[in-house]
Protein backbone atom coordinates (compact mmCIF):
# COMPACT_ATOMS: atom_id res chain seq x y z
CA MET A 1 -17.42 -7.56 27.96
CA ILE A 2 -17.00 -7.84 24.22
CA GLN A 3 -14.19 -9.91 22.72
CA ILE A 4 -12.51 -8.58 19.57
CA SER A 5 -10.19 -10.10 16.99
CA LYS A 6 -6.41 -9.80 17.07
CA ARG A 7 -6.67 -7.52 14.04
CA LEU A 8 -9.01 -5.09 15.80
CA SER A 9 -7.10 -5.41 19.06
CA ALA A 10 -3.94 -4.19 17.30
CA ALA A 11 -5.79 -1.09 16.08
CA ALA A 12 -7.38 -0.51 19.49
CA SER A 13 -4.01 -0.61 21.24
CA LEU A 14 -2.84 2.43 19.26
CA VAL A 15 -5.79 4.67 20.17
CA SER A 16 -4.72 7.37 22.65
CA LYS A 17 -6.61 7.26 25.94
CA GLY A 18 -9.23 9.96 26.38
CA ASN A 19 -9.64 10.78 22.68
CA ARG A 20 -13.03 10.86 20.99
CA LEU A 21 -13.01 8.30 18.18
CA ALA A 22 -14.42 8.16 14.67
CA ASP A 23 -14.45 4.60 13.33
CA ILE A 24 -14.71 4.77 9.53
CA GLY A 25 -16.17 1.62 8.01
CA CYS A 26 -17.22 0.43 11.46
CA ASP A 27 -18.87 -2.78 10.20
CA HIS A 28 -20.26 -4.45 13.37
CA GLY A 29 -19.18 -1.63 15.70
CA TYR A 30 -16.98 -3.88 17.80
CA LEU A 31 -13.99 -1.53 18.01
CA PRO A 32 -15.75 1.48 19.62
CA ILE A 33 -17.76 -0.87 21.88
CA TYR A 34 -14.53 -2.43 23.13
CA LEU A 35 -12.79 0.91 23.72
CA VAL A 36 -15.75 2.42 25.59
CA GLN A 37 -16.13 -0.69 27.73
CA GLN A 38 -12.45 -0.44 28.64
CA SER A 39 -13.02 3.22 29.66
CA HIS A 40 -10.28 4.03 27.17
CA ILE A 41 -12.34 6.62 25.27
CA PRO A 42 -15.28 8.80 26.38
CA GLY A 43 -17.31 8.16 23.24
CA ALA A 44 -17.24 7.47 19.53
CA ILE A 45 -18.93 7.92 16.19
CA ALA A 46 -19.38 4.66 14.27
CA MET A 47 -19.65 5.35 10.54
CA ASP A 48 -20.34 3.16 7.53
CA VAL A 49 -21.42 3.76 3.96
CA ARG A 50 -23.76 0.73 4.01
CA PRO A 51 -27.07 0.81 5.89
CA GLY A 52 -26.95 -2.93 6.66
CA PRO A 53 -23.68 -3.02 8.60
CA LEU A 54 -24.53 0.27 10.31
CA SER A 55 -27.85 -1.19 11.47
CA ARG A 56 -26.04 -4.25 12.85
CA ALA A 57 -23.54 -1.98 14.60
CA ARG A 58 -26.39 -0.03 16.21
CA GLU A 59 -27.98 -3.27 17.43
CA HIS A 60 -24.69 -4.39 18.98
CA ILE A 61 -24.20 -1.00 20.61
CA ARG A 62 -27.74 -1.15 21.99
CA ALA A 63 -27.20 -4.69 23.27
CA TYR A 64 -24.21 -3.52 25.30
CA GLY A 65 -26.11 -0.47 26.59
CA LEU A 66 -23.81 2.07 24.96
CA LEU A 67 -26.16 4.15 22.80
CA ASP A 68 -25.42 7.18 24.99
CA TYR A 69 -21.71 6.85 24.21
CA ILE A 70 -21.52 5.68 20.58
CA GLU A 71 -23.39 7.44 17.79
CA CYS A 72 -24.02 5.71 14.46
CA ARG A 73 -23.87 7.70 11.24
CA LEU A 74 -24.42 6.72 7.63
CA SER A 75 -21.44 8.21 5.82
CA ASP A 76 -19.44 7.82 2.64
CA GLY A 77 -16.00 7.78 4.23
CA LEU A 78 -15.45 10.92 6.31
CA GLU A 79 -18.26 12.84 4.62
CA ALA A 80 -20.61 13.00 7.62
CA LEU A 81 -17.87 13.83 10.14
CA ARG A 82 -17.74 17.47 11.13
CA PRO A 83 -14.34 19.08 11.75
CA GLY A 84 -13.33 18.90 15.40
CA GLU A 85 -15.70 16.04 16.33
CA ALA A 86 -12.95 13.44 16.74
CA GLU A 87 -9.32 13.46 17.87
CA THR A 88 -8.70 9.92 16.59
CA ILE A 89 -9.75 8.42 13.29
CA VAL A 90 -9.51 4.68 12.68
CA ILE A 91 -9.85 3.23 9.18
CA ALA A 92 -9.53 -0.55 9.06
CA GLY A 93 -10.89 -3.58 7.26
CA MET A 94 -10.53 -2.34 3.69
CA GLY A 95 -8.00 -2.14 0.89
CA GLY A 96 -5.34 0.56 0.57
CA PRO A 97 -6.80 2.20 -2.59
CA LEU A 98 -10.20 2.70 -0.93
CA MET A 99 -8.58 4.10 2.20
CA GLU A 100 -6.55 6.50 0.05
CA LYS A 101 -9.75 7.66 -1.67
CA ILE A 102 -11.45 8.22 1.69
CA LEU A 103 -8.57 10.31 3.03
CA VAL A 104 -8.27 12.41 -0.13
CA LYS A 105 -12.00 13.08 -0.37
CA GLY A 106 -12.26 13.77 3.37
CA ALA A 107 -9.23 16.04 3.70
CA GLY A 108 -11.42 18.86 5.03
CA GLN A 109 -12.71 16.68 7.85
CA LEU A 110 -9.20 16.07 9.21
CA ALA A 111 -9.09 19.46 10.95
CA GLY A 112 -8.58 18.92 14.67
CA VAL A 113 -7.64 15.27 14.25
CA LYS A 114 -4.61 14.38 16.36
CA GLU A 115 -3.98 10.85 15.15
CA LEU A 116 -4.84 8.44 12.35
CA ILE A 117 -4.79 4.68 12.81
CA VAL A 118 -4.94 2.81 9.51
CA GLN A 119 -4.90 -0.89 8.73
CA PRO A 120 -4.70 -1.47 4.96
CA GLN A 121 -5.48 -4.99 3.74
CA SER A 122 -4.05 -4.65 0.25
CA ASP A 123 -1.60 -2.50 -1.76
CA VAL A 124 0.23 -1.71 1.47
CA GLU A 125 3.44 -0.42 -0.12
CA GLN A 126 1.53 2.01 -2.35
CA PHE A 127 -0.57 3.13 0.61
CA ARG A 128 2.52 3.85 2.73
CA ARG A 129 3.82 6.07 -0.09
CA PHE A 130 0.50 7.92 -0.18
CA LEU A 131 0.57 8.52 3.58
CA ARG A 132 3.81 10.46 3.19
CA LYS A 133 1.83 13.12 1.29
CA LEU A 134 -0.54 13.81 4.19
CA PRO A 135 0.00 16.43 6.93
CA PHE A 136 0.56 13.49 9.27
CA THR A 137 3.62 11.41 9.98
CA VAL A 138 3.95 7.70 10.78
CA ASP A 139 5.48 7.30 14.23
CA SER A 140 4.82 3.62 14.99
CA GLU A 141 3.61 0.39 13.43
CA ASP A 142 2.38 -2.99 14.56
CA MET A 143 1.61 -6.24 12.76
CA VAL A 144 -0.51 -9.24 13.70
CA GLU A 145 -1.20 -12.60 12.12
CA GLU A 146 -4.74 -13.95 12.21
CA ASN A 147 -6.22 -16.85 10.26
CA ALA A 148 -3.02 -17.16 8.19
CA LYS A 149 -3.22 -13.51 7.11
CA PHE A 150 -0.88 -10.69 8.07
CA TYR A 151 -2.24 -7.27 9.06
CA PRO A 152 -0.01 -4.20 9.42
CA VAL A 153 -1.40 -1.25 11.36
CA LEU A 154 0.12 2.23 11.28
CA HIS A 155 -0.18 5.08 13.77
CA LEU A 156 0.16 8.62 12.44
CA VAL A 157 0.27 11.90 14.33
CA CYS A 158 -0.50 15.35 13.04
CA GLY A 159 2.63 17.08 11.78
CA GLU A 160 5.09 17.28 8.93
CA ASN A 161 6.81 14.14 7.70
CA GLY A 162 10.33 13.69 9.01
CA ASP A 163 13.20 11.72 7.54
CA SER A 164 13.07 9.93 4.20
CA TRP A 165 12.11 6.28 3.74
CA GLN A 166 14.03 3.61 1.85
CA GLU A 167 12.45 1.23 -0.67
CA ALA A 168 12.36 -1.68 1.79
CA GLU A 169 10.73 0.56 4.41
CA TYR A 170 7.85 1.38 2.09
CA ARG A 171 7.45 -2.29 1.26
CA TYR A 172 7.76 -3.78 4.74
CA GLY A 173 7.33 -0.90 7.19
CA LYS A 174 9.99 1.44 8.55
CA TYR A 175 9.23 0.82 12.22
CA LEU A 176 8.45 -2.87 11.83
CA LEU A 177 11.93 -3.29 10.35
CA ARG A 178 13.62 -1.05 12.89
CA ASP A 179 12.02 -2.96 15.79
CA ARG A 180 12.68 -6.35 14.18
CA HIS A 181 9.03 -7.12 14.75
CA PRO A 182 8.59 -10.89 15.27
CA VAL A 183 5.41 -11.07 13.16
CA LEU A 184 7.16 -9.21 10.32
CA GLN A 185 10.00 -11.73 10.56
CA LYS A 186 7.49 -14.55 10.08
CA TYR A 187 5.99 -12.67 7.13
CA LEU A 188 9.42 -12.18 5.56
CA CYS A 189 10.15 -15.89 5.92
CA ARG A 190 6.93 -16.73 4.13
CA GLU A 191 7.63 -14.19 1.40
CA ARG A 192 11.14 -15.53 0.92
CA LYS A 193 9.80 -19.06 0.33
CA ARG A 194 7.14 -17.76 -2.03
CA LEU A 195 9.61 -15.74 -4.10
CA VAL A 196 12.18 -18.53 -4.28
CA LYS A 197 9.53 -20.92 -5.61
CA LEU A 198 8.15 -18.33 -8.02
CA GLU A 199 11.64 -17.55 -9.31
CA ARG A 200 12.29 -21.24 -9.92
CA ASP A 201 8.95 -21.82 -11.65
CA LEU A 202 9.24 -18.76 -13.89
CA GLY A 203 12.79 -19.73 -14.83
CA GLU A 204 11.37 -22.85 -16.49
CA VAL A 205 9.00 -20.85 -18.72
CA LYS A 206 10.42 -19.45 -21.96
CA SER A 207 7.81 -16.82 -22.86
CA SER A 208 8.67 -13.12 -22.92
CA ARG A 209 5.91 -12.43 -20.41
CA ALA A 210 7.45 -14.91 -17.98
CA LYS A 211 10.85 -13.27 -18.39
CA MET A 212 9.40 -9.87 -17.53
CA ARG A 213 7.66 -11.31 -14.49
CA LEU A 214 10.87 -13.09 -13.47
CA GLU A 215 12.76 -9.79 -13.51
CA LEU A 216 10.20 -8.21 -11.18
CA VAL A 217 10.30 -11.21 -8.84
CA ARG A 218 14.09 -11.02 -8.64
CA LYS A 219 13.96 -7.31 -7.78
CA GLU A 220 11.40 -8.01 -5.06
CA LYS A 221 13.58 -10.82 -3.72
CA GLU A 222 16.63 -8.54 -3.67
CA CYS A 223 14.67 -5.95 -1.70
CA LEU A 224 13.58 -8.60 0.81
CA GLU A 225 17.11 -9.92 1.29
CA GLU A 226 18.45 -6.39 1.72
CA ALA A 227 15.83 -5.70 4.40
CA TRP A 228 16.65 -8.98 6.14
CA GLU A 229 20.39 -8.26 6.23
CA THR A 230 20.21 -4.52 6.96
CA TYR A 231 17.92 -4.91 9.94
CA GLY A 232 19.53 -8.07 11.29
CA PHE A 233 16.58 -10.46 11.35
CA GLY A 234 17.50 -13.83 12.77
CA MET A 235 20.70 -12.60 14.33
């Protein structure tokens, strides 16, 4: 049986049992291999824009004897996915702006998709704002720490967006805050220390640029403290 990272395991745990999967940017193909081995999904399409990683994914799939269950496709984002081929789409292992581009360009391929599982590695706040524009709604989130990095993962279901989100919820995750997620708490502690130090250091610099940066840092710190108090972390 294949072993996968904590980051991939978090994404795998949100895939609905019995759904056919499309793994966008599949890299080594570990996620669909794991889910098929667990009999969690009947099959998958592993897709990547780069021939090298896709070739490695195919070799791994062959090594585990799963070529009849997992198809490999060279694809720029969702381009090679036909509508209705997958109920679940996973996009992980890339930055928020690239994921946004993939979802905008592949809007036509989302027909028949029941759930999206996304794991942005940068520009997370901006990406959460973008997700609110899709015909999907975030209904749960998870977060893991691996190799001193923090990875949020969001689960979206097809349907109109519900209630509004506050600033702190875009920044830190509506459901992570609501659930007082222990990994988020650790992340907030780290961010608090970083911002306190940055505020102190910038306060010692007299340039106009430093003053502008200091104002932004203080706003970010206020947002963090508001999230901490509102959601009762540490209580």
